[in-house]
């Protein structure tokens, strides 16, 4: 079997730094093609960026008509993330 195309941490629970380090190791060994996170908002995402050697390729965020991203208070530096805006959903 070849490398896994994409592996995400579903949400920032538990020791995300240890989990992400294990994902980075698998990525560097060629077992994973892409690594990323899901539902890491604001400070949790920035904290991970400050402690990782491989920047997440994706930060998948939940958005729907009853819970828009801007309502969560999430803020990201433009250099690290493209935000989902209400027009593209």
PDB file of N, CA and C in Angstrom:
ATOM      1  N   UNK A   1       0.848  -1.176   0.000  1.00  0.00           N
ATOM      2  CA  UNK A   1       0.000   0.000   0.000  1.00  0.00           C
ATOM      3  C   UNK A   1       0.891   1.236   0.000  1.00  0.00           C
ATOM      4  N   UNK A   2       0.502   2.246  -0.762  1.00  0.00           N
ATOM      5  CA  UNK A   2       1.261   3.486  -0.856  1.00  0.00           C
ATOM      6  C   UNK A   2       0.931   4.432   0.289  1.00  0.00           C
ATOM      7  N   UNK A   3       1.451   5.638   0.210  1.00  0.00           N
ATOM      8  CA  UNK A   3       1.223   6.613   1.280  1.00  0.00           C
ATOM      9  C   UNK A   3      -0.242   7.063   1.354  1.00  0.00           C
ATOM     10  N   UNK A   4      -0.664   7.432   2.537  1.00  0.00           N
ATOM     11  CA  UNK A   4      -1.998   7.977   2.766  1.00  0.00           C
ATOM     12  C   UNK A   4      -2.013   9.400   2.203  1.00  0.00           C
ATOM     13  N   UNK A   5      -3.071   9.765   1.478  1.00  0.00           N
ATOM     14  CA  UNK A   5      -3.134  11.084   0.841  1.00  0.00           C
ATOM     15  C   UNK A   5      -3.223  12.235   1.840  1.00  0.00           C
ATOM     16  N   UNK A   6      -4.078  12.111   2.852  1.00  0.00           N
ATOM     17  CA  UNK A   6      -4.295  13.203   3.803  1.00  0.00           C
ATOM     18  C   UNK A   6      -4.687  12.637   5.158  1.00  0.00           C
ATOM     19  N   UNK A   7      -4.032  13.128   6.203  1.00  0.00           N
ATOM     20  CA  UNK A   7      -4.386  12.751   7.569  1.00  0.00           C
ATOM     21  C   UNK A   7      -4.573  14.026   8.370  1.00  0.00           C
ATOM     22  N   UNK A   8      -5.715  14.132   9.061  1.00  0.00           N
ATOM     23  CA  UNK A   8      -6.048  15.309   9.863  1.00  0.00           C
ATOM     24  C   UNK A   8      -6.225  14.928  11.325  1.00  0.00           C
ATOM     25  N   UNK A   9      -5.871  15.850  12.222  1.00  0.00           N
ATOM     26  CA  UNK A   9      -6.315  15.757  13.616  1.00  0.00           C
ATOM     27  C   UNK A   9      -7.706  16.371  13.612  1.00  0.00           C
ATOM     28  N   UNK A  10      -8.702  15.628  14.048  1.00  0.00           N
ATOM     29  CA  UNK A  10     -10.093  16.070  13.922  1.00  0.00           C
ATOM     30  C   UNK A  10     -10.413  17.316  14.742  1.00  0.00           C
ATOM     31  N   UNK A  11      -9.919  17.377  15.941  1.00  0.00           N
ATOM     32  CA  UNK A  11     -10.173  18.553  16.787  1.00  0.00           C
ATOM     33  C   UNK A  11      -9.053  18.670  17.811  1.00  0.00           C
ATOM     34  N   UNK A  12      -8.849  19.871  18.356  1.00  0.00           N
ATOM     35  CA  UNK A  12      -7.749  20.068  19.309  1.00  0.00           C
ATOM     36  C   UNK A  12      -8.072  19.491  20.690  1.00  0.00           C
ATOM     37  N   UNK A  13      -7.959  18.178  20.817  1.00  0.00           N
ATOM     38  CA  UNK A  13      -8.212  17.502  22.085  1.00  0.00           C
ATOM     39  C   UNK A  13      -7.024  16.605  22.403  1.00  0.00           C
ATOM     40  N   UNK A  14      -6.727  16.443  23.670  1.00  0.00           N
ATOM     41  CA  UNK A  14      -5.598  15.615  24.063  1.00  0.00           C
ATOM     42  C   UNK A  14      -4.282  16.334  23.819  1.00  0.00           C
ATOM     43  N   UNK A  15      -3.212  15.578  23.709  1.00  0.00           N
ATOM     44  CA  UNK A  15      -1.884  16.151  23.487  1.00  0.00           C
ATOM     45  C   UNK A  15      -1.672  16.325  21.992  1.00  0.00           C
ATOM     46  N   UNK A  16      -2.183  17.425  21.437  1.00  0.00           N
ATOM     47  CA  UNK A  16      -2.116  17.639  19.999  1.00  0.00           C
ATOM     48  C   UNK A  16      -0.684  17.794  19.502  1.00  0.00           C
ATOM     49  N   UNK A  17       0.209  18.293  20.356  1.00  0.00           N
ATOM     50  CA  UNK A  17       1.606  18.432  19.942  1.00  0.00           C
ATOM     51  C   UNK A  17       2.245  17.060  19.715  1.00  0.00           C
ATOM     52  N   UNK A  18       1.988  16.127  20.618  1.00  0.00           N
ATOM     53  CA  UNK A  18       2.532  14.774  20.461  1.00  0.00           C
ATOM     54  C   UNK A  18       1.917  14.084  19.240  1.00  0.00           C
ATOM     55  N   UNK A  19       0.624  14.227  19.077  1.00  0.00           N
ATOM     56  CA  UNK A  19      -0.060  13.618  17.930  1.00  0.00           C
ATOM     57  C   UNK A  19       0.490  14.197  16.632  1.00  0.00           C
ATOM     58  N   UNK A  20       0.638  15.517  16.586  1.00  0.00           N
ATOM     59  CA  UNK A  20       1.112  16.154  15.367  1.00  0.00           C
ATOM     60  C   UNK A  20       2.573  15.794  15.078  1.00  0.00           C
ATOM     61  N   UNK A  21       3.379  15.664  16.135  1.00  0.00           N
ATOM     62  CA  UNK A  21       4.783  15.227  15.936  1.00  0.00           C
ATOM     63  C   UNK A  21       4.827  13.844  15.301  1.00  0.00           C
ATOM     64  N   UNK A  22       3.950  12.946  15.737  1.00  0.00           N
ATOM     65  CA  UNK A  22       3.891  11.606  15.142  1.00  0.00           C
ATOM     66  C   UNK A  22       3.474  11.695  13.673  1.00  0.00           C
ATOM     67  N   UNK A  23       2.553  12.585  13.368  1.00  0.00           N
ATOM     68  CA  UNK A  23       2.140  12.785  11.979  1.00  0.00           C
ATOM     69  C   UNK A  23       3.290  13.361  11.154  1.00  0.00           C
ATOM     70  N   UNK A  24       4.043  14.297  11.733  1.00  0.00           N
ATOM     71  CA  UNK A  24       5.200  14.871  11.042  1.00  0.00           C
ATOM     72  C   UNK A  24       6.240  13.790  10.725  1.00  0.00           C
ATOM     73  N   UNK A  25       6.476  12.906  11.672  1.00  0.00           N
ATOM     74  CA  UNK A  25       7.428  11.812  11.462  1.00  0.00           C
ATOM     75  C   UNK A  25       6.968  10.930  10.312  1.00  0.00           C
ATOM     76  N   UNK A  26       5.697  10.548  10.309  1.00  0.00           N
ATOM     77  CA  UNK A  26       5.159   9.715   9.233  1.00  0.00           C
ATOM     78  C   UNK A  26       5.225  10.449   7.893  1.00  0.00           C
ATOM     79  N   UNK A  27       4.994  11.751   7.905  1.00  0.00           N
ATOM     80  CA  UNK A  27       5.086  12.565   6.688  1.00  0.00           C
ATOM     81  C   UNK A  27       6.523  12.565   6.152  1.00  0.00           C
ATOM     82  N   UNK A  28       7.480  12.795   7.042  1.00  0.00           N
ATOM     83  CA  UNK A  28       8.889  12.838   6.637  1.00  0.00           C
ATOM     84  C   UNK A  28       9.389  11.476   6.155  1.00  0.00           C
ATOM     85  N   UNK A  29       8.777  10.401   6.650  1.00  0.00           N
ATOM     86  CA  UNK A  29       9.137   9.044   6.222  1.00  0.00           C
ATOM     87  C   UNK A  29       8.432   8.642   4.932  1.00  0.00           C
ATOM     88  N   UNK A  30       7.581   9.513   4.410  1.00  0.00           N
ATOM     89  CA  UNK A  30       6.876   9.231   3.166  1.00  0.00           C
ATOM     90  C   UNK A  30       5.618   8.403   3.324  1.00  0.00           C
ATOM     91  N   UNK A  31       5.168   8.189   4.556  1.00  0.00           N
ATOM     92  CA  UNK A  31       3.960   7.400   4.787  1.00  0.00           C
ATOM     93  C   UNK A  31       2.689   8.218   4.574  1.00  0.00           C
ATOM     94  N   UNK A  32       2.809   9.533   4.669  1.00  0.00           N
ATOM     95  CA  UNK A  32       1.685  10.449   4.467  1.00  0.00           C
ATOM     96  C   UNK A  32       2.073  11.476   3.419  1.00  0.00           C
ATOM     97  N   UNK A  33       1.167  11.775   2.499  1.00  0.00           N
ATOM     98  CA  UNK A  33       1.452  12.804   1.493  1.00  0.00           C
ATOM     99  C   UNK A  33       1.174  14.204   2.021  1.00  0.00           C
ATOM    100  N   UNK A  34       0.158  14.324   2.862  1.00  0.00           N
ATOM    101  CA  UNK A  34      -0.254  15.630   3.372  1.00  0.00           C
ATOM    102  C   UNK A  34      -0.763  15.461   4.798  1.00  0.00           C
ATOM    103  N   UNK A  35      -0.440  16.446   5.654  1.00  0.00           N
ATOM    104  CA  UNK A  35      -0.980  16.435   7.024  1.00  0.00           C
ATOM    105  C   UNK A  35      -1.641  17.776   7.298  1.00  0.00           C
ATOM    106  N   UNK A  36      -2.607  17.739   8.206  1.00  0.00           N
ATOM    107  CA  UNK A  36      -3.319  18.959   8.551  1.00  0.00           C
ATOM    108  C   UNK A  36      -4.150  18.777   9.797  1.00  0.00           C
ATOM    109  N   UNK A  37      -4.998  19.744  10.023  1.00  0.00           N
ATOM    110  CA  UNK A  37      -5.843  19.750  11.219  1.00  0.00           C
ATOM    111  C   UNK A  37      -7.273  20.107  10.836  1.00  0.00           C
ATOM    112  N   UNK A  38      -8.158  19.926  11.764  1.00  0.00           N
ATOM    113  CA  UNK A  38      -9.564  20.239  11.553  1.00  0.00           C
ATOM    114  C   UNK A  38     -10.114  20.884  12.821  1.00  0.00           C
ATOM    115  N   UNK A  39     -10.807  21.966  12.635  1.00  0.00           N
ATOM    116  CA  UNK A  39     -11.470  22.679  13.740  1.00  0.00           C
ATOM    117  C   UNK A  39     -10.509  23.277  14.768  1.00  0.00           C
ATOM    118  N   UNK A  40      -9.318  23.651  14.334  1.00  0.00           N
ATOM    119  CA  UNK A  40      -8.384  24.367  15.203  1.00  0.00           C
ATOM    120  C   UNK A  40      -8.640  25.851  14.999  1.00  0.00           C
ATOM    121  N   UNK A  41      -9.201  26.495  15.973  1.00  0.00           N
ATOM    122  CA  UNK A  41      -9.544  27.902  15.846  1.00  0.00           C
ATOM    123  C   UNK A  41      -8.582  28.781  16.644  1.00  0.00           C
ATOM    124  N   UNK A  42      -8.355  29.970  16.138  1.00  0.00           N
ATOM    125  CA  UNK A  42      -7.622  31.004  16.848  1.00  0.00           C
ATOM    126  C   UNK A  42      -6.335  30.574  17.503  1.00  0.00           C
ATOM    127  N   UNK A  43      -6.298  30.731  18.816  1.00  0.00           N
ATOM    128  CA  UNK A  43      -5.080  30.492  19.595  1.00  0.00           C
ATOM    129  C   UNK A  43      -4.577  29.059  19.517  1.00  0.00           C
ATOM    130  N   UNK A  44      -5.471  28.092  19.426  1.00  0.00           N
ATOM    131  CA  UNK A  44      -5.026  26.687  19.338  1.00  0.00           C
ATOM    132  C   UNK A  44      -4.251  26.444  18.043  1.00  0.00           C
ATOM    133  N   UNK A  45      -4.725  27.036  16.962  1.00  0.00           N
ATOM    134  CA  UNK A  45      -4.041  26.906  15.679  1.00  0.00           C
ATOM    135  C   UNK A  45      -2.680  27.597  15.727  1.00  0.00           C
ATOM    136  N   UNK A  46      -2.644  28.806  16.255  1.00  0.00           N
ATOM    137  CA  UNK A  46      -1.383  29.550  16.343  1.00  0.00           C
ATOM    138  C   UNK A  46      -0.386  28.838  17.258  1.00  0.00           C
ATOM    139  N   UNK A  47      -0.871  28.245  18.344  1.00  0.00           N
ATOM    140  CA  UNK A  47      -0.005  27.493  19.240  1.00  0.00           C
ATOM    141  C   UNK A  47       0.627  26.307  18.502  1.00  0.00           C
ATOM    142  N   UNK A  48      -0.166  25.596  17.721  1.00  0.00           N
ATOM    143  CA  UNK A  48       0.371  24.475  16.958  1.00  0.00           C
ATOM    144  C   UNK A  48       1.423  24.962  15.956  1.00  0.00           C
ATOM    145  N   UNK A  49       1.152  26.070  15.274  1.00  0.00           N
ATOM    146  CA  UNK A  49       2.118  26.615  14.313  1.00  0.00           C
ATOM    147  C   UNK A  49       3.458  26.924  14.971  1.00  0.00           C
ATOM    148  N   UNK A  50       3.422  27.375  16.214  1.00  0.00           N
ATOM    149  CA  UNK A  50       4.649  27.728  16.923  1.00  0.00           C
ATOM    150  C   UNK A  50       5.436  26.516  17.408  1.00  0.00           C
ATOM    151  N   UNK A  51       4.839  25.317  17.329  1.00  0.00           N
ATOM    152  CA  UNK A  51       5.492  24.112  17.846  1.00  0.00           C
ATOM    153  C   UNK A  51       5.672  23.017  16.801  1.00  0.00           C
ATOM    154  N   UNK A  52       5.448  23.315  15.545  1.00  0.00           N
ATOM    155  CA  UNK A  52       5.563  22.257  14.536  1.00  0.00           C
ATOM    156  C   UNK A  52       6.684  22.572  13.548  1.00  0.00           C
ATOM    157  N   UNK A  53       7.164  21.532  12.873  1.00  0.00           N
ATOM    158  CA  UNK A  53       8.185  21.723  11.849  1.00  0.00           C
ATOM    159  C   UNK A  53       7.592  21.623  10.447  1.00  0.00           C
ATOM    160  N   UNK A  54       6.405  21.026  10.331  1.00  0.00           N
ATOM    161  CA  UNK A  54       5.689  20.944   9.057  1.00  0.00           C
ATOM    162  C   UNK A  54       4.376  21.700   9.234  1.00  0.00           C
ATOM    163  N   UNK A  55       4.234  22.799   8.500  1.00  0.00           N
ATOM    164  CA  UNK A  55       3.017  23.608   8.597  1.00  0.00           C
ATOM    165  C   UNK A  55       1.835  22.791   8.077  1.00  0.00           C
ATOM    166  N   UNK A  56       0.699  22.779   8.809  1.00  0.00           N
ATOM    167  CA  UNK A  56      -0.469  22.047   8.322  1.00  0.00           C
ATOM    168  C   UNK A  56      -0.869  22.540   6.926  1.00  0.00           C
ATOM    169  N   UNK A  57      -1.090  21.610   6.010  1.00  0.00           N
ATOM    170  CA  UNK A  57      -1.494  21.972   4.656  1.00  0.00           C
ATOM    171  C   UNK A  57      -2.939  22.440   4.613  1.00  0.00           C
ATOM    172  N   UNK A  58      -3.710  22.032   5.599  1.00  0.00           N
ATOM    173  CA  UNK A  58      -5.120  22.388   5.637  1.00  0.00           C
ATOM    174  C   UNK A  58      -5.577  22.519   7.083  1.00  0.00           C
ATOM    175  N   UNK A  59      -6.485  23.456   7.314  1.00  0.00           N
ATOM    176  CA  UNK A  59      -7.197  23.560   8.583  1.00  0.00           C
ATOM    177  C   UNK A  59      -8.675  23.577   8.209  1.00  0.00           C
ATOM    178  N   UNK A  60      -9.243  22.406   8.177  1.00  0.00           N
ATOM    179  CA  UNK A  60     -10.645  22.261   7.798  1.00  0.00           C
ATOM    180  C   UNK A  60     -11.503  22.793   8.947  1.00  0.00           C
ATOM    181  N   UNK A  61     -12.401  23.711   8.641  1.00  0.00           N
ATOM    182  CA  UNK A  61     -13.262  24.265   9.682  1.00  0.00           C
ATOM    183  C   UNK A  61     -14.728  24.040   9.333  1.00  0.00           C
ATOM    184  N   UNK A  62     -15.488  23.752  10.348  1.00  0.00           N
ATOM    185  CA  UNK A  62     -16.920  23.551  10.164  1.00  0.00           C
ATOM    186  C   UNK A  62     -17.600  24.896   9.966  1.00  0.00           C
ATOM    187  N   UNK A  63     -18.431  24.968   8.976  1.00  0.00           N
ATOM    188  CA  UNK A  63     -19.247  26.160   8.789  1.00  0.00           C
ATOM    189  C   UNK A  63     -20.569  25.743   8.169  1.00  0.00           C
ATOM    190  N   UNK A  64     -21.612  26.338   8.644  1.00  0.00           N
ATOM    191  CA  UNK A  64     -22.935  26.101   8.077  1.00  0.00           C
ATOM    192  C   UNK A  64     -23.823  27.277   8.425  1.00  0.00           C
ATOM    193  N   UNK A  65     -25.011  27.251   7.953  1.00  0.00           N
ATOM    194  CA  UNK A  65     -25.900  28.412   8.073  1.00  0.00           C
ATOM    195  C   UNK A  65     -26.129  28.848   9.532  1.00  0.00           C
ATOM    196  N   UNK A  66     -26.104  27.930  10.478  1.00  0.00           N
ATOM    197  CA  UNK A  66     -26.373  28.277  11.869  1.00  0.00           C
ATOM    198  C   UNK A  66     -25.117  28.570  12.693  1.00  0.00           C
ATOM    199  N   UNK A  67     -23.940  28.316  12.140  1.00  0.00           N
ATOM    200  CA  UNK A  67     -22.704  28.584  12.884  1.00  0.00           C
ATOM    201  C   UNK A  67     -21.621  29.015  11.906  1.00  0.00           C
ATOM    202  N   UNK A  68     -21.527  30.302  11.681  1.00  0.00           N
ATOM    203  CA  UNK A  68     -20.535  30.836  10.768  1.00  0.00           C
ATOM    204  C   UNK A  68     -19.214  31.041  11.498  1.00  0.00           C
ATOM    205  N   UNK A  69     -18.120  30.987  10.772  1.00  0.00           N
ATOM    206  CA  UNK A  69     -16.786  31.116  11.346  1.00  0.00           C
ATOM    207  C   UNK A  69     -16.612  32.416  12.111  1.00  0.00           C
ATOM    208  N   UNK A  70     -17.134  33.522  11.603  1.00  0.00           N
ATOM    209  CA  UNK A  70     -16.955  34.796  12.288  1.00  0.00           C
ATOM    210  C   UNK A  70     -17.621  34.806  13.661  1.00  0.00           C
ATOM    211  N   UNK A  71     -18.635  33.963  13.875  1.00  0.00           N
ATOM    212  CA  UNK A  71     -19.296  33.894  15.171  1.00  0.00           C
ATOM    213  C   UNK A  71     -18.441  33.184  16.218  1.00  0.00           C
ATOM    214  N   UNK A  72     -17.480  32.388  15.787  1.00  0.00           N
ATOM    215  CA  UNK A  72     -16.654  31.633  16.726  1.00  0.00           C
ATOM    216  C   UNK A  72     -15.559  32.493  17.345  1.00  0.00           C
ATOM    217  N   UNK A  73     -15.328  33.667  16.785  1.00  0.00           N
ATOM    218  CA  UNK A  73     -14.263  34.528  17.287  1.00  0.00           C
ATOM    219  C   UNK A  73     -12.893  34.127  16.781  1.00  0.00           C
ATOM    220  N   UNK A  74     -12.834  33.248  15.790  1.00  0.00           N
ATOM    221  CA  UNK A  74     -11.555  32.770  15.260  1.00  0.00           C
ATOM    222  C   UNK A  74     -10.832  33.872  14.518  1.00  0.00           C
ATOM    223  N   UNK A  75      -9.550  33.983  14.759  1.00  0.00           N
ATOM    224  CA  UNK A  75      -8.716  34.952  14.063  1.00  0.00           C
ATOM    225  C   UNK A  75      -7.418  34.260  13.650  1.00  0.00           C
ATOM    226  N   UNK A  76      -7.003  34.473  12.428  1.00  0.00           N
ATOM    227  CA  UNK A  76      -5.782  33.886  11.914  1.00  0.00           C
ATOM    228  C   UNK A  76      -4.966  34.968  11.223  1.00  0.00           C
ATOM    229  N   UNK A  77      -3.648  34.888  11.290  1.00  0.00           N
ATOM    230  CA  UNK A  77      -2.844  35.810  10.487  1.00  0.00           C
ATOM    231  C   UNK A  77      -3.017  35.452   9.009  1.00  0.00           C
ATOM    232  N   UNK A  78      -3.145  36.446   8.146  1.00  0.00           N
ATOM    233  CA  UNK A  78      -3.370  36.191   6.723  1.00  0.00           C
ATOM    234  C   UNK A  78      -2.267  35.355   6.101  1.00  0.00           C
ATOM    235  N   UNK A  79      -1.059  35.434   6.642  1.00  0.00           N
ATOM    236  CA  UNK A  79       0.044  34.675   6.073  1.00  0.00           C
ATOM    237  C   UNK A  79      -0.076  33.172   6.310  1.00  0.00           C
ATOM    238  N   UNK A  80      -0.948  32.745   7.217  1.00  0.00           N
ATOM    239  CA  UNK A  80      -1.057  31.328   7.553  1.00  0.00           C
ATOM    240  C   UNK A  80      -2.351  30.668   7.140  1.00  0.00           C
ATOM    241  N   UNK A  81      -3.355  31.428   6.808  1.00  0.00           N
ATOM    242  CA  UNK A  81      -4.633  30.781   6.526  1.00  0.00           C
ATOM    243  C   UNK A  81      -5.486  31.620   5.604  1.00  0.00           C
ATOM    244  N   UNK A  82      -6.201  30.941   4.746  1.00  0.00           N
ATOM    245  CA  UNK A  82      -7.221  31.595   3.931  1.00  0.00           C
ATOM    246  C   UNK A  82      -8.538  31.313   4.613  1.00  0.00           C
ATOM    247  N   UNK A  83      -9.201  32.345   5.036  1.00  0.00           N
ATOM    248  CA  UNK A  83     -10.453  32.162   5.757  1.00  0.00           C
ATOM    249  C   UNK A  83     -11.603  31.878   4.807  1.00  0.00           C
ATOM    250  N   UNK A  84     -12.536  31.104   5.290  1.00  0.00           N
ATOM    251  CA  UNK A  84     -13.772  30.894   4.578  1.00  0.00           C
ATOM    252  C   UNK A  84     -14.619  32.128   4.803  1.00  0.00           C
ATOM    253  N   UNK A  85     -15.103  32.710   3.734  1.00  0.00           N
ATOM    254  CA  UNK A  85     -15.974  33.864   3.931  1.00  0.00           C
ATOM    255  C   UNK A  85     -17.414  33.455   3.632  1.00  0.00           C
ATOM    256  N   UNK A  86     -18.328  34.276   4.054  1.00  0.00           N
ATOM    257  CA  UNK A  86     -19.753  33.942   3.895  1.00  0.00           C
ATOM    258  C   UNK A  86     -20.167  33.836   2.447  1.00  0.00           C
ATOM    259  N   UNK A  87     -19.464  34.518   1.555  1.00  0.00           N
ATOM    260  CA  UNK A  87     -19.820  34.486   0.142  1.00  0.00           C
ATOM    261  C   UNK A  87     -19.469  33.159  -0.514  1.00  0.00           C
ATOM    262  N   UNK A  88     -18.474  32.465  -0.005  1.00  0.00           N
ATOM    263  CA  UNK A  88     -18.025  31.235  -0.665  1.00  0.00           C
ATOM    264  C   UNK A  88     -18.692  29.979  -0.132  1.00  0.00           C
ATOM    265  N   UNK A  89     -19.481  30.100   0.881  1.00  0.00           N
ATOM    266  CA  UNK A  89     -20.121  28.934   1.495  1.00  0.00           C
ATOM    267  C   UNK A  89     -21.421  28.611   0.818  1.00  0.00           C
TER     268      UNK A  89
END
